[in-house]
Protein backbone atom coordinates (compact mmCIF):
# COMPACT_ATOMS: atom_id res chain seq x y z
CA MET A 1 110.58 85.57 122.39
CA LEU A 2 107.40 85.51 120.33
CA ILE A 3 104.58 87.95 120.82
CA ASP A 4 102.38 85.00 121.86
CA ASP A 5 104.76 84.32 124.75
CA VAL A 6 104.65 87.96 125.82
CA ILE A 7 100.86 87.96 125.66
CA LEU A 8 100.71 84.84 127.83
CA PHE A 9 103.16 86.34 130.34
CA VAL A 10 101.04 89.49 130.63
CA LEU A 11 97.86 87.42 130.94
CA PHE A 12 99.35 85.16 133.62
CA SER A 13 100.70 88.13 135.55
CA TRP A 14 97.09 89.34 135.77
CA VAL A 15 96.20 86.27 137.85
CA ILE A 16 98.36 87.45 140.76
CA PRO A 17 96.41 90.64 141.58
CA LEU A 18 93.12 88.89 140.82
CA SER A 19 93.96 86.09 143.25
CA LEU A 20 95.18 88.48 145.93
CA PHE A 21 91.99 90.54 145.59
CA VAL A 22 89.87 87.42 146.10
CA PHE A 23 92.03 86.28 149.03
CA TYR A 24 91.88 89.60 150.88
CA GLN A 25 88.15 89.99 150.32
CA LEU A 26 87.39 86.51 151.64
CA THR A 27 89.62 86.83 154.71
CA THR A 28 90.17 89.31 157.50
CA ALA A 29 92.96 89.88 160.01
CA LYS A 30 92.85 87.61 163.04
CA HIS A 31 92.86 89.47 166.36
CA GLY A 32 96.09 89.22 168.33
CA THR A 33 98.24 87.79 165.51
CA LYS A 34 100.72 89.41 163.18
CA HIS A 35 99.99 87.62 159.89
CA ALA A 36 97.17 85.14 160.49
CA ARG A 37 93.86 85.64 158.73
CA ARG A 38 90.46 84.07 159.18
CA ARG A 39 87.95 83.21 156.48
CA LEU A 40 84.82 85.31 156.32
CA LYS A 41 81.42 83.72 155.94
CA TRP A 42 79.78 84.53 152.61
CA ARG A 43 77.03 86.46 154.41
CA GLU A 44 79.59 88.71 156.14
CA ILE A 45 80.77 90.05 152.78
CA ALA A 46 79.01 93.10 151.37
CA PRO A 47 76.90 92.40 148.26
CA VAL A 48 79.08 94.60 146.07
CA MET A 49 82.18 92.71 147.20
CA ARG A 50 80.45 89.39 146.48
CA ILE A 51 79.92 90.50 142.90
CA LEU A 52 83.51 91.66 142.55
CA VAL A 53 84.86 88.42 144.01
CA ALA A 54 82.67 86.41 141.61
CA GLN A 55 83.91 88.46 138.65
CA LYS A 56 87.55 88.03 139.66
CA ALA A 57 87.08 84.28 140.18
CA ALA A 58 85.47 83.99 136.73
CA LEU A 59 88.37 85.87 135.16
CA ILE A 60 90.84 83.57 136.91
CA LEU A 61 88.97 80.59 135.44
CA VAL A 62 89.12 82.11 131.95
CA VAL A 63 92.88 82.70 132.22
CA ALA A 64 93.35 79.14 133.52
CA PHE A 65 91.34 77.84 130.54
CA ILE A 66 93.49 79.85 128.13
CA ALA A 67 96.63 78.41 129.76
CA LEU A 68 95.21 74.88 129.54
CA VAL A 69 94.44 75.24 125.85
CA ARG A 70 97.80 76.86 125.18
CA PHE A 71 99.88 74.19 126.91
CA ILE A 72 97.79 71.05 126.36
CA GLY A 73 96.25 71.98 123.06
CA ASP A 74 92.87 70.98 121.78
CA PHE A 75 90.87 68.52 123.89
CA PRO A 76 87.39 67.03 123.62
CA GLY A 77 84.75 69.40 124.94
CA ARG A 78 86.97 72.48 124.69
CA GLU A 79 84.26 74.44 122.91
CA TRP A 80 81.72 73.59 125.61
CA VAL A 81 84.09 74.66 128.39
CA ALA A 82 84.75 77.92 126.54
CA PHE A 83 81.01 78.42 126.01
CA GLY A 84 80.35 77.86 129.72
CA LEU A 85 83.09 80.24 130.85
CA TYR A 86 82.07 82.99 128.46
CA THR A 87 78.43 82.53 129.40
CA LEU A 88 79.48 82.87 133.04
CA LEU A 89 81.15 86.21 132.25
CA VAL A 90 78.06 87.47 130.43
CA GLY A 91 75.82 86.29 133.28
CA LEU A 92 77.96 88.09 135.84
CA ALA A 93 77.86 91.26 133.76
CA TRP A 94 74.06 91.14 133.80
CA VAL A 95 73.98 90.45 137.55
CA VAL A 96 76.22 93.47 138.14
CA LEU A 97 74.02 95.69 135.98
CA ILE A 98 70.81 94.54 137.65
CA TYR A 99 72.29 94.97 141.13
CA GLN A 100 73.64 98.41 140.23
CA ARG A 101 70.21 99.53 139.05
CA ARG A 102 68.54 98.14 142.19
CA VAL A 103 70.92 100.20 144.31
CA GLN A 104 70.62 103.35 142.17
CA LEU A 105 66.87 103.46 141.49
CA PRO A 106 65.67 104.55 144.96
CA GLN A 107 68.09 107.49 144.89
CA GLU A 108 67.08 108.38 141.32
CA ARG A 109 63.38 108.28 142.25
CA ARG A 110 64.01 110.50 145.26
CA ILE A 111 65.91 113.03 143.12
CA ARG A 112 63.25 113.06 140.40
CA ASN A 113 60.42 113.58 142.91
CA LEU A 114 61.96 116.69 144.48
């Protein structure tokens, strides 16, 4: 087994917890049933969870892209798909930072004004 195969196995095994995280954040237990779940509306999800779900979904897309390139090989537009996915990750990182600061600033201002 080559190290590349081990790396791919580890990377693909990451998709399972990422997918389960997304699934359990977007659904909730259905009343009166043992295993059934119902989908939540996007507005029912807390803003922090929305960000985390978006990050996990973006990471799943990146791993899927890596698998596609690994198994299919080079294809036309590969660089543009990679650019879009990596730009998505950077954009999400900035959204998380901006949201974090919006949540933290009122508390920081209150502490500094004491």
